[in-house]
Protein backbone atom coordinates (compact mmCIF):
# COMPACT_ATOMS: atom_id res chain seq x y z
CA MET A 1 -49.81 13.70 -12.44
CA ARG A 2 -51.39 14.45 -15.87
CA ALA A 3 -54.51 15.91 -14.16
CA VAL A 4 -52.34 18.44 -12.36
CA LEU A 5 -50.53 19.37 -15.57
CA GLY A 6 -53.88 19.99 -17.39
CA LEU A 7 -55.12 22.73 -14.95
CA PRO A 8 -53.39 25.71 -16.73
CA ILE A 9 -54.61 24.49 -20.13
CA LEU A 10 -58.22 24.22 -18.82
CA ALA A 11 -58.07 27.87 -17.63
CA VAL A 12 -57.03 29.03 -21.15
CA MET A 13 -59.90 27.08 -22.73
CA LEU A 14 -62.52 28.70 -20.39
CA ALA A 15 -61.29 32.23 -21.29
CA ALA A 16 -61.53 31.49 -25.01
CA PHE A 17 -65.05 30.10 -24.64
CA SER A 18 -66.39 33.23 -22.83
CA ALA A 19 -64.89 35.70 -25.35
CA ASN A 20 -66.25 34.02 -28.50
CA SER A 21 -69.72 32.87 -27.41
CA ALA A 22 -71.26 33.76 -30.83
CA GLU A 23 -69.01 31.46 -32.78
CA ALA A 24 -69.38 28.78 -30.09
CA ALA A 25 -73.19 28.82 -30.61
CA TYR A 26 -72.73 27.12 -33.96
CA GLY A 27 -70.90 24.24 -32.25
CA GLY A 28 -67.59 25.18 -33.77
CA LEU A 29 -68.72 24.65 -37.41
CA PHE A 30 -67.59 28.11 -38.43
CA SER A 31 -64.11 27.32 -37.24
CA PHE A 32 -63.93 24.22 -39.36
CA ARG A 33 -64.97 26.15 -42.48
CA ASN A 34 -62.02 28.50 -42.00
CA ALA A 35 -59.58 25.74 -41.15
CA GLY A 36 -57.66 26.40 -44.36
CA CYS A 37 -56.42 29.80 -43.13
CA CYS A 38 -55.60 28.67 -39.58
CA GLU A 39 -52.65 26.24 -39.48
CA PRO A 40 -51.50 24.35 -36.35
CA ALA A 41 -48.96 26.19 -34.11
CA THR A 42 -45.27 25.40 -34.51
CA TYR A 43 -42.51 25.16 -31.83
CA GLU A 44 -40.83 28.36 -33.08
CA CYS A 45 -43.82 30.59 -32.11
CA CYS A 46 -44.19 28.99 -28.58
CA LYS A 47 -42.74 30.45 -25.37
CA GLN A 48 -41.89 28.57 -22.12
CA GLN A 49 -44.44 28.42 -19.27
CA CYS A 50 -43.11 27.09 -15.84
CA TYR A 51 -45.12 25.87 -12.84
CA THR A 52 -44.56 23.77 -9.72
CA VAL A 53 -46.10 20.31 -9.15
CA ASN A 54 -45.77 17.79 -6.26
CA LYS A 55 -44.04 14.49 -6.94
CA THR A 56 -44.20 11.42 -4.68
CA CYS A 57 -40.83 9.70 -4.00
CA GLN A 58 -39.90 6.57 -2.10
CA GLU A 59 -37.06 6.53 0.44
CA THR A 60 -35.57 3.56 2.32
CA VAL A 61 -35.04 4.00 6.10
CA TYR A 62 -33.25 1.41 8.28
CA GLU A 63 -34.77 0.48 11.66
CA GLN A 64 -32.80 -1.33 14.37
CA GLN A 65 -34.22 -4.59 15.81
CA GLU A 66 -32.81 -6.66 18.68
CA GLN A 67 -32.63 -10.46 18.28
CA THR A 68 -31.64 -13.03 20.91
CA CYS A 69 -29.16 -15.74 19.80
CA TYR A 70 -27.57 -18.64 21.61
CA LYS A 71 -23.93 -19.85 21.54
CA THR A 72 -22.31 -22.92 23.09
CA VAL A 73 -19.69 -22.26 25.80
CA TYR A 74 -17.57 -25.06 27.23
CA GLU A 75 -17.08 -24.93 31.02
CA THR A 76 -14.23 -26.85 32.66
CA VAL A 77 -15.30 -29.15 35.58
CA TYR A 78 -12.75 -30.96 37.72
CA GLU A 79 -13.37 -34.52 39.08
CA ASP A 80 -11.36 -36.29 41.81
CA LYS A 81 -9.61 -39.54 40.75
CA THR A 82 -7.53 -41.87 42.94
CA VAL A 83 -4.19 -42.95 41.41
CA ASP A 84 -1.67 -45.52 42.76
CA CYS A 85 1.87 -44.15 42.77
CA VAL A 86 5.23 -45.72 43.44
CA THR A 87 8.02 -43.55 44.81
CA TYR A 88 11.61 -44.72 45.25
CA GLU A 89 13.40 -43.62 48.44
CA THR A 90 17.15 -43.36 48.03
CA GLU A 91 19.41 -44.74 50.80
CA THR A 92 23.09 -43.67 50.71
CA ARG A 93 25.83 -46.18 51.71
CA TYR A 94 29.64 -45.80 51.75
CA LYS A 95 32.55 -48.10 50.86
CA ASP A 96 36.35 -47.60 51.07
CA CYS A 97 38.24 -47.38 47.81
CA THR A 98 42.07 -47.14 47.38
CA TYR A 99 43.38 -45.48 44.18
CA THR A 100 46.65 -44.21 42.74
CA THR A 101 46.95 -40.79 41.02
CA CYS A 102 49.73 -39.26 38.98
CA LYS A 103 50.37 -35.69 39.98
CA PRO A 104 51.85 -33.52 37.19
CA VAL A 105 54.86 -31.34 38.09
CA TRP A 106 55.38 -28.60 35.49
CA GLU A 107 58.78 -27.02 34.66
CA THR A 108 58.90 -23.79 32.60
CA LYS A 109 61.62 -23.44 29.86
CA THR A 110 62.19 -20.90 27.04
CA ARG A 111 63.37 -21.10 23.43
CA THR A 112 64.22 -18.48 20.77
CA VAL A 113 61.92 -18.28 17.66
CA ASN A 114 62.58 -16.14 14.56
CA TYR A 115 59.50 -14.92 12.57
CA THR A 116 58.72 -12.51 9.72
CA THR A 117 55.80 -9.98 9.68
CA CYS A 118 54.39 -7.83 6.90
CA LYS A 119 54.05 -4.17 7.82
CA PRO A 120 51.52 -2.14 5.76
CA VAL A 121 52.78 1.21 4.33
CA TRP A 122 49.97 3.48 3.08
CA GLU A 123 50.33 5.97 0.21
CA THR A 124 47.72 8.75 -0.35
CA ARG A 125 46.56 9.54 -3.93
CA THR A 126 43.90 11.86 -5.46
CA LYS A 127 41.80 11.86 -8.65
CA ASP A 128 38.99 14.03 -10.13
CA ILE A 129 35.50 12.48 -10.75
CA CYS A 130 32.87 14.19 -12.95
CA TYR A 131 29.22 13.50 -12.15
CA THR A 132 25.77 14.92 -13.03
CA VAL A 133 23.27 16.11 -10.40
CA CYS A 134 19.56 16.66 -11.17
CA LYS A 135 18.34 19.86 -9.50
CA PRO A 136 14.57 20.08 -8.80
CA VAL A 137 12.77 23.30 -9.95
CA TRP A 138 9.23 23.62 -8.47
CA GLU A 139 6.36 25.47 -10.18
CA THR A 140 3.11 26.28 -8.33
CA LYS A 141 -0.28 25.82 -10.16
CA THR A 142 -3.93 26.08 -9.09
CA LYS A 143 -7.15 24.39 -10.28
CA GLU A 144 -10.80 24.39 -9.17
CA ILE A 145 -12.42 21.10 -8.15
CA CYS A 146 -16.21 20.67 -7.90
CA TYR A 147 -17.38 18.08 -5.40
CA THR A 148 -20.66 17.02 -3.77
CA VAL A 149 -21.11 16.84 0.01
CA CYS A 150 -24.01 14.96 1.59
CA LYS A 151 -25.34 16.84 4.63
CA PRO A 152 -27.11 14.73 7.29
CA VAL A 153 -30.65 15.87 8.31
CA TYR A 154 -31.82 14.12 11.48
CA GLU A 155 -35.45 13.39 12.39
CA THR A 156 -36.43 12.38 15.92
CA ARG A 157 -39.00 9.53 16.37
CA THR A 158 -40.39 7.63 19.37
CA LYS A 159 -41.76 4.08 19.92
CA GLU A 160 -43.07 2.08 22.92
CA ILE A 161 -41.44 -1.21 23.98
CA CYS A 162 -43.22 -3.70 26.28
CA TYR A 163 -40.99 -5.95 28.46
CA THR A 164 -41.42 -8.35 31.43
CA VAL A 165 -39.52 -8.10 34.74
CA CYS A 166 -39.29 -11.03 37.23
CA LYS A 167 -39.58 -9.88 40.88
CA PRO A 168 -38.17 -12.23 43.62
CA VAL A 169 -40.46 -13.05 46.65
CA TRP A 170 -38.66 -14.74 49.59
CA GLU A 171 -40.32 -17.20 52.08
CA THR A 172 -38.71 -18.33 55.35
CA LYS A 173 -38.99 -22.05 56.37
CA THR A 174 -37.55 -24.25 59.19
CA LYS A 175 -36.76 -27.99 59.51
CA GLU A 176 -35.18 -30.32 62.11
CA ILE A 177 -31.99 -32.29 61.23
CA CYS A 178 -30.91 -35.40 63.21
CA TYR A 179 -27.15 -36.17 63.23
CA THR A 180 -24.77 -38.50 65.12
CA VAL A 181 -21.67 -37.37 67.06
CA CYS A 182 -18.85 -39.84 68.05
CA LYS A 183 -17.29 -39.23 71.49
CA PRO A 184 -13.72 -40.53 72.10
CA VAL A 185 -13.14 -42.82 75.18
CA TRP A 186 -9.40 -43.48 76.01
CA GLU A 187 -8.03 -46.69 77.67
CA THR A 188 -4.37 -47.19 78.83
CA LYS A 189 -2.60 -50.57 78.08
CA THR A 190 0.95 -51.98 78.36
CA LYS A 191 2.97 -54.62 76.41
CA GLU A 192 6.52 -56.00 76.23
CA ILE A 193 8.52 -55.63 73.01
CA CYS A 194 11.56 -57.80 72.14
CA TYR A 195 14.18 -56.24 69.86
CA THR A 196 17.66 -57.07 68.58
CA VAL A 197 20.71 -54.78 68.86
CA CYS A 198 23.88 -55.30 66.75
CA LYS A 199 27.23 -54.70 68.55
CA PRO A 200 30.33 -53.94 66.41
CA VAL A 201 33.43 -56.21 66.83
CA TYR A 202 36.63 -54.99 65.06
CA GLU A 203 39.41 -57.27 63.72
CA THR A 204 42.83 -56.11 62.31
CA LYS A 205 44.11 -57.72 59.03
CA THR A 206 46.94 -57.14 56.52
CA LYS A 207 47.23 -57.66 52.72
CA ASP A 208 49.75 -57.03 49.87
CA ILE A 209 48.72 -54.56 47.16
CA CYS A 210 50.45 -54.54 43.75
CA TYR A 211 50.51 -51.14 42.02
CA THR A 212 52.05 -49.61 38.93
CA VAL A 213 54.30 -46.52 38.82
CA CYS A 214 54.86 -44.48 35.58
CA LYS A 215 58.38 -43.05 34.98
CA PRO A 216 58.82 -40.22 32.39
CA VAL A 217 61.28 -40.74 29.49
CA TYR A 218 61.98 -37.63 27.33
CA GLU A 219 62.78 -37.74 23.56
CA THR A 220 63.56 -34.85 21.13
CA LYS A 221 61.60 -34.71 17.80
CA TYR A 222 61.16 -32.23 14.92
CA ARG A 223 57.94 -31.04 13.28
CA ASP A 224 57.08 -28.90 10.23
CA VAL A 225 55.38 -25.56 11.04
CA CYS A 226 53.53 -23.74 8.21
CA LYS A 227 53.44 -19.92 8.18
CA THR A 228 51.17 -17.83 5.95
CA ILE A 229 52.48 -14.56 4.36
CA CYS A 230 50.11 -12.08 2.59
CA LYS A 231 51.27 -10.56 -0.76
CA PRO A 232 49.42 -7.57 -2.34
CA VAL A 233 48.08 -7.99 -5.98
CA HIS A 234 46.81 -4.86 -7.81
CA TYR A 235 43.93 -5.19 -10.35
CA THR A 236 41.03 -3.18 -11.80
CA LYS A 237 37.30 -4.05 -11.94
CA THR A 238 34.17 -2.51 -13.51
CA VAL A 239 31.38 -1.50 -11.15
CA LYS A 240 27.78 -0.63 -12.13
CA VAL A 241 26.53 2.65 -10.57
CA CYS A 242 22.74 3.02 -10.27
CA GLY A 243 21.30 6.48 -11.06
CA GLY A 244 18.33 7.96 -12.91
CA HIS A 245 15.99 10.92 -13.32
CA TRP A 246 12.38 11.91 -12.66
CA GLU A 247 9.75 12.13 -15.43
CA THR A 248 6.27 13.67 -15.13
CA LYS A 249 3.46 11.56 -16.59
CA THR A 250 -0.17 12.58 -17.07
CA GLU A 251 -2.91 10.06 -16.28
CA THR A 252 -6.64 10.47 -17.13
CA ILE A 253 -9.13 9.02 -14.60
CA PRO A 254 -12.71 8.57 -15.92
CA GLY A 255 -15.44 10.31 -13.95
CA PRO A 256 -18.11 8.42 -11.92
CA VAL A 257 -21.50 7.44 -13.38
CA VAL A 258 -24.41 9.40 -11.78
CA LYS A 259 -28.15 8.75 -12.12
CA LYS A 260 -30.11 11.83 -13.33
CA CYS A 261 -33.87 12.38 -13.74
CA ILE A 262 -34.82 14.07 -17.08
CA GLN A 263 -38.12 14.74 -18.89
CA GLU A 264 -38.50 14.27 -22.64
CA PRO A 265 -39.91 17.25 -24.65
CA GLY A 266 -43.72 17.28 -25.14
CA CYS A 267 -45.72 17.97 -28.28
CA TRP A 268 -48.76 20.05 -29.34
CA THR A 269 -51.70 18.09 -30.82
CA TRP A 270 -54.96 19.37 -32.30
CA ASP A 271 -58.05 18.50 -30.31
CA PRO A 272 -61.15 18.63 -32.62
CA CYS A 273 -63.54 18.45 -29.65
CA LYS A 274 -62.05 21.58 -28.05
CA CYS A 275 -61.12 23.26 -31.37
CA LYS A 276 -57.63 24.11 -30.16
CA CYS A 277 -54.09 22.79 -29.72
CA VAL A 278 -53.46 20.75 -26.56
CA TYR A 279 -49.91 20.30 -25.08
CA CYS A 280 -48.93 16.78 -24.07
CA PRO A 281 -45.90 16.65 -21.70
CA GLY A 282 -43.06 14.18 -22.33
CA GLU A 283 -42.18 11.10 -20.27
CA THR A 284 -39.92 11.37 -17.16
CA LYS A 285 -36.91 8.98 -17.18
CA VAL A 286 -33.89 8.18 -15.02
CA VAL A 287 -30.71 8.25 -17.13
CA GLU A 288 -27.15 7.32 -16.13
CA VAL A 289 -24.75 10.20 -16.94
CA GLN A 290 -20.95 9.92 -16.72
CA CYS A 291 -19.13 12.84 -15.07
CA PRO A 292 -16.16 14.50 -16.90
CA PRO A 293 -12.77 12.77 -16.45
CA LYS A 294 -9.98 14.02 -14.15
CA THR A 295 -6.33 14.53 -15.20
CA CYS A 296 -3.65 13.69 -12.64
CA CYS A 297 0.09 14.35 -12.88
CA LYS A 298 2.58 12.03 -11.17
CA LYS A 299 6.35 11.73 -11.08
CA VAL A 300 7.97 8.48 -12.26
CA TRP A 301 11.58 7.58 -11.52
CA VAL A 302 13.49 6.33 -14.60
CA PRO A 303 16.55 4.30 -13.51
CA GLU A 304 19.88 4.52 -15.39
CA VAL A 305 22.89 2.21 -14.86
CA THR A 306 26.44 3.43 -15.73
CA GLU A 307 29.72 1.49 -15.61
CA LYS A 308 32.83 2.75 -13.73
CA THR A 309 36.36 1.30 -13.50
CA ILE A 310 38.05 1.35 -10.07
CA ASP A 311 41.51 0.20 -8.84
CA CYS A 312 41.50 -2.64 -6.24
CA VAL A 313 44.08 -4.50 -4.13
CA ARG A 314 43.76 -8.12 -3.01
CA TYR A 315 46.15 -10.06 -0.79
CA GLU A 316 47.18 -13.56 -1.82
CA GLN A 317 48.45 -15.89 0.88
CA GLU A 318 51.79 -17.78 0.53
CA THR A 319 52.68 -20.71 2.82
CA ILE A 320 56.27 -21.22 4.14
CA THR A 321 57.36 -24.45 5.93
CA GLU A 322 60.11 -24.66 8.63
CA GLN A 323 61.21 -27.34 11.14
CA VAL A 324 60.79 -26.67 14.88
CA PRO A 325 62.31 -29.01 17.60
CA TYR A 326 60.15 -30.20 20.50
CA LYS A 327 60.38 -32.74 23.31
CA VAL A 328 58.07 -35.73 23.82
CA CYS A 329 57.51 -37.26 27.26
CA ARG A 330 56.78 -41.03 27.31
CA MET A 331 55.67 -42.73 30.53
CA GLU A 332 57.21 -46.23 31.24
CA LYS A 333 55.36 -48.54 33.66
CA GLU A 334 57.05 -50.18 36.76
CA GLN A 335 55.47 -52.79 39.09
CA ARG A 336 55.72 -52.31 42.92
CA VAL A 337 54.28 -54.14 46.00
CA LYS A 338 53.25 -52.66 49.41
CA THR A 339 51.66 -54.10 52.60
CA CYS A 340 48.42 -52.48 53.89
CA THR A 341 46.85 -52.87 57.36
CA TYR A 342 43.05 -52.52 57.62
CA LYS A 343 40.25 -53.24 60.09
CA VAL A 344 37.20 -55.49 59.49
CA CYS A 345 34.01 -54.81 61.45
CA LYS A 346 31.58 -57.68 62.35
CA MET A 347 28.15 -56.97 63.82
CA VAL A 348 27.19 -59.41 66.71
CA PRO A 349 23.36 -59.53 67.42
CA GLU A 350 22.13 -59.17 71.08
CA GLN A 351 18.50 -59.73 72.32
CA ARG A 352 16.84 -57.08 74.51
CA THR A 353 13.33 -56.48 76.03
CA LYS A 354 11.43 -53.24 76.92
CA THR A 355 7.93 -52.43 78.27
CA CYS A 356 5.77 -49.91 76.30
CA THR A 357 2.66 -48.03 77.56
CA TYR A 358 0.09 -46.97 74.91
CA LYS A 359 -3.51 -45.63 74.78
CA VAL A 360 -6.45 -47.09 72.86
CA CYS A 361 -9.29 -44.83 71.67
CA LYS A 362 -12.88 -46.08 71.28
CA MET A 363 -15.49 -43.88 69.56
CA VAL A 364 -18.98 -43.98 71.28
CA PRO A 365 -21.86 -42.67 69.04
CA GLU A 366 -24.36 -40.07 70.45
CA GLN A 367 -27.62 -38.86 68.74
CA ARG A 368 -28.28 -35.07 68.51
CA THR A 369 -30.97 -32.82 66.89
CA LYS A 370 -30.74 -29.21 65.54
CA THR A 371 -33.22 -26.80 63.87
CA CYS A 372 -32.22 -25.13 60.57
CA THR A 373 -33.82 -21.98 59.07
CA TYR A 374 -33.66 -21.48 55.26
CA LYS A 375 -35.25 -19.23 52.63
CA VAL A 376 -37.17 -20.19 49.42
CA CYS A 377 -37.35 -17.73 46.51
CA HIS A 378 -40.39 -17.46 44.13
CA MET A 379 -40.09 -15.31 40.92
CA VAL A 380 -43.25 -13.20 40.19
CA LYS A 381 -43.59 -11.72 36.67
CA GLU A 382 -44.46 -8.01 36.21
CA ASN A 383 -45.22 -6.26 32.85
CA LYS A 384 -43.70 -2.79 32.20
CA THR A 385 -43.65 -0.32 29.23
CA LYS A 386 -40.92 2.15 28.24
CA THR A 387 -40.74 4.78 25.47
CA CYS A 388 -37.61 4.79 23.27
CA THR A 389 -36.49 7.85 21.27
CA TYR A 390 -34.38 7.31 18.17
CA LYS A 391 -33.18 9.42 15.28
CA VAL A 392 -33.48 8.83 11.49
CA CYS A 393 -30.81 10.36 9.29
CA LYS A 394 -31.43 11.64 5.72
CA MET A 395 -28.50 12.63 3.50
CA VAL A 396 -29.13 15.85 1.41
CA PRO A 397 -26.57 16.46 -1.41
CA GLU A 398 -24.86 19.90 -1.62
CA GLN A 399 -22.57 21.14 -4.41
CA ARG A 400 -19.28 22.85 -3.30
CA THR A 401 -16.22 24.17 -5.11
CA LYS A 402 -12.65 24.37 -3.73
CA THR A 403 -9.41 25.70 -5.23
CA CYS A 404 -6.45 23.24 -5.10
CA THR A 405 -2.83 24.45 -5.21
CA TYR A 406 -0.26 21.87 -6.37
CA LYS A 407 3.41 21.95 -7.32
CA VAL A 408 5.01 20.56 -10.49
CA CYS A 409 8.67 19.54 -10.29
CA LYS A 410 11.11 19.73 -13.19
CA MET A 411 14.55 18.14 -12.85
CA VAL A 412 17.34 20.34 -14.35
CA PRO A 413 20.68 18.50 -14.88
CA GLU A 414 23.85 20.18 -13.50
CA GLN A 415 27.46 19.06 -14.09
CA ARG A 416 29.76 18.90 -11.04
CA THR A 417 33.34 17.76 -10.31
CA LYS A 418 34.74 16.39 -7.02
CA THR A 419 38.23 15.30 -5.97
CA CYS A 420 38.46 11.87 -4.32
CA THR A 421 41.35 10.95 -2.00
CA TYR A 422 42.19 7.24 -1.64
CA LYS A 423 44.99 5.21 -0.07
CA VAL A 424 47.17 2.45 -1.61
CA CYS A 425 48.69 -0.13 0.69
CA LYS A 426 52.14 -1.75 0.24
CA MET A 427 53.27 -4.62 2.47
CA VAL A 428 56.95 -4.34 3.72
CA LYS A 429 58.58 -7.45 5.32
CA GLU A 430 60.17 -7.11 8.78
CA CYS A 431 62.14 -9.81 10.76
CA HIS A 432 61.65 -10.27 14.55
CA THR A 433 62.96 -12.57 17.30
CA LYS A 434 61.02 -13.59 20.44
CA GLU A 435 61.49 -15.88 23.43
CA VAL A 436 58.66 -18.48 23.61
CA PRO A 437 58.06 -20.13 27.05
CA TYR A 438 56.98 -23.76 27.14
CA LYS A 439 56.27 -26.19 29.95
CA VAL A 440 57.64 -29.69 30.57
CA CYS A 441 55.51 -32.12 32.57
CA LYS A 442 56.72 -34.77 35.05
CA MET A 443 54.20 -37.25 36.49
CA VAL A 444 54.57 -38.09 40.29
CA GLN A 445 52.43 -40.93 41.69
CA GLU A 446 50.31 -40.59 44.90
CA THR A 447 48.16 -43.14 46.72
CA HIS A 448 44.80 -42.05 48.23
CA THR A 449 41.92 -43.69 50.07
CA LYS A 450 38.40 -42.33 49.93
CA GLN A 451 34.87 -43.35 50.80
CA VAL A 452 32.71 -43.76 47.72
CA PRO A 453 28.97 -43.27 48.24
CA TYR A 454 26.50 -45.46 46.40
CA CYS A 455 22.69 -45.28 46.35
CA VAL A 456 20.17 -48.07 46.98
CA LYS A 457 16.56 -47.39 45.93
CA LYS A 458 13.58 -48.80 47.87
CA PRO A 459 10.08 -48.74 46.38
CA VAL A 460 7.29 -47.09 48.48
CA HIS A 461 3.67 -47.49 47.33
CA THR A 462 1.36 -44.49 47.97
CA THR A 463 -2.13 -43.39 46.88
CA LYS A 464 -2.95 -39.80 45.86
CA THR A 465 -6.01 -37.96 44.55
CA VAL A 466 -5.69 -36.19 41.19
CA LYS A 467 -8.14 -33.69 39.68
CA VAL A 468 -9.13 -34.55 36.06
CA ALA A 469 -10.45 -31.73 33.86
CA LYS A 470 -13.69 -32.35 31.92
CA CYS A 471 -15.40 -29.94 29.44
CA VAL A 472 -19.20 -29.54 29.91
CA PRO A 473 -21.15 -27.73 27.10
CA LYS A 474 -23.40 -24.83 28.17
CA LYS A 475 -25.68 -22.50 26.11
CA VAL A 476 -25.38 -18.75 26.70
CA ALA A 477 -27.81 -16.16 25.35
CA TYR A 478 -26.60 -12.91 23.74
CA THR A 479 -28.40 -10.02 21.95
CA VAL A 480 -27.68 -9.04 18.32
CA THR A 481 -28.89 -5.70 16.82
CA ARG A 482 -29.68 -5.76 13.07
CA CYS A 483 -30.90 -3.09 10.63
CA VAL A 484 -34.23 -3.78 8.81
CA PRO A 485 -34.98 -1.68 5.68
CA LYS A 486 -38.37 0.18 5.55
CA THR A 487 -39.78 2.16 2.60
CA ILE A 488 -41.30 5.66 3.30
CA CYS A 489 -43.25 7.72 0.75
CA LYS A 490 -42.77 11.53 0.75
CA THR A 491 -43.89 14.43 -1.50
CA VAL A 492 -41.21 16.61 -3.21
CA PRO A 493 -41.95 19.86 -5.15
CA VAL A 494 -40.78 19.75 -8.84
CA THR A 495 -40.66 22.67 -11.37
CA VAL A 496 -41.96 21.74 -14.88
CA CYS A 497 -41.51 24.00 -17.98
CA CYS A 498 -43.68 23.59 -21.15
CA PRO A 499 -44.27 25.84 -24.24
CA ALA A 500 -47.51 27.97 -24.31
CA PRO A 501 -49.71 28.00 -27.53
CA CYS A 502 -49.39 30.93 -30.07
CA CYS A 503 -52.26 33.42 -29.87
CA ASP A 504 -52.22 34.69 -33.52
CA PRO A 505 -51.63 31.74 -35.86
CA CYS A 506 -53.92 33.05 -38.63
CA GLY A 507 -52.48 36.57 -38.89
CA GLY A 508 -55.53 38.51 -37.61
CA GLN A 509 -57.44 39.27 -34.39
CA ALA A 510 -60.79 38.26 -35.80
CA ALA A 511 -59.73 34.68 -36.46
CA ALA A 512 -58.00 34.21 -33.09
CA SER A 513 -61.08 32.69 -31.53
CA ASP A 514 -61.33 30.15 -34.31
CA CYS A 515 -57.86 28.80 -33.46
CA GLY A 516 -58.74 28.16 -29.84
CA CYS A 517 -56.74 31.12 -28.44
CA GLY A 518 -58.10 33.42 -25.81
CA ALA A 519 -58.44 37.24 -26.16
């Protein structure tokens, strides 16, 4: 880097040496004698000299690599398991049951009831309410915003990937299989079976049954009935009304910190070997610079709570008690006897015989042979190569400016008045009379006979096959793509500015060669 910067200074030195060869023959001694009149050059008499140099930078590029990973997957396998089960078969049987029921006979009657109701009477009233409304007034403003946009620059690259492919090769084979077949041979046989048949024999019998009859006895009683009457009560209460207004607040957001490359100023030094001033450039550094802050305006709602007195009506309940007559029916028991005739069935067993014809099957084994053809697969590996094309993206920053239009809202208070209409309720009592129907029940007894079913359970033992689930672990391969960072070196042109040396530090043209300046 310093060798490149020294090329313009070397050209100035060669021009000075060719113009003043006479003074150079003395080895520069004459210049040292006149050193008192030629002072070193200052920064005020220097002017800027710019030139372009190449700078090497490092950039990180991400490459994609594929990696094979394995994960465990559980596969469900079902196994057959024999389980002994017991099922209960239900057998339904019937038995005769005699029962007595009381049948209700209802009689409808009416009675007169006096009652009082409260009838609401509404009265309309009006009142004026003053309130404040905040009216928004909008003002449009504009401001310029500078922002940086990174433009993607794509570069296409290629690489070769070697992979292996397995190719199936099929081979046909044959084999003989011996198996046994059972042939059924049927034989007819007969046998005698003795069985018993039950014959029903019916017998008529009588018995006395005692039963109870309920007779209704009516009695008049009185009970207290409570009625609730609503009475209006007027009162006032204070209510909190939520309101508020908008306020605009300004908030300052600090700017981001950006890295910037700067070069420190160089200096001129006197070189006794060259008899002239030599410029030494400053050091290049990366400095973090904070961008200017941004000012944002936002609206904040400031709540306000005000108290307001309103008129209210509540209804208080008052309970009134009055006696109401009613009849009570009491059932008195009475014992009675009746004679029932019924039949009894007896089963008489009787022996019988019958001849049955049945067939018996015998399985006779027979040997057979068959030829089976099957295929065997061999996997043969084959190497292949393919070329992949991929793109690498570089982000190039670009400065842009846009004009933003925004609105600022100011809330202007405005006084308004509105008329509210409300209703006041007054309860007016009103007397009514109504006929209330009621029913009187009489119980009449009835005798019934019915067959009542009952269940008998018999156990039956069975065997069934149940499938039991079992989890078997299994490894499955999957491919994961990851990004690997890679550092690339590239050359970037950089413009460097440095001050040039003064050509007349001694005040005359004759002494210019003594200071190391060219003609």
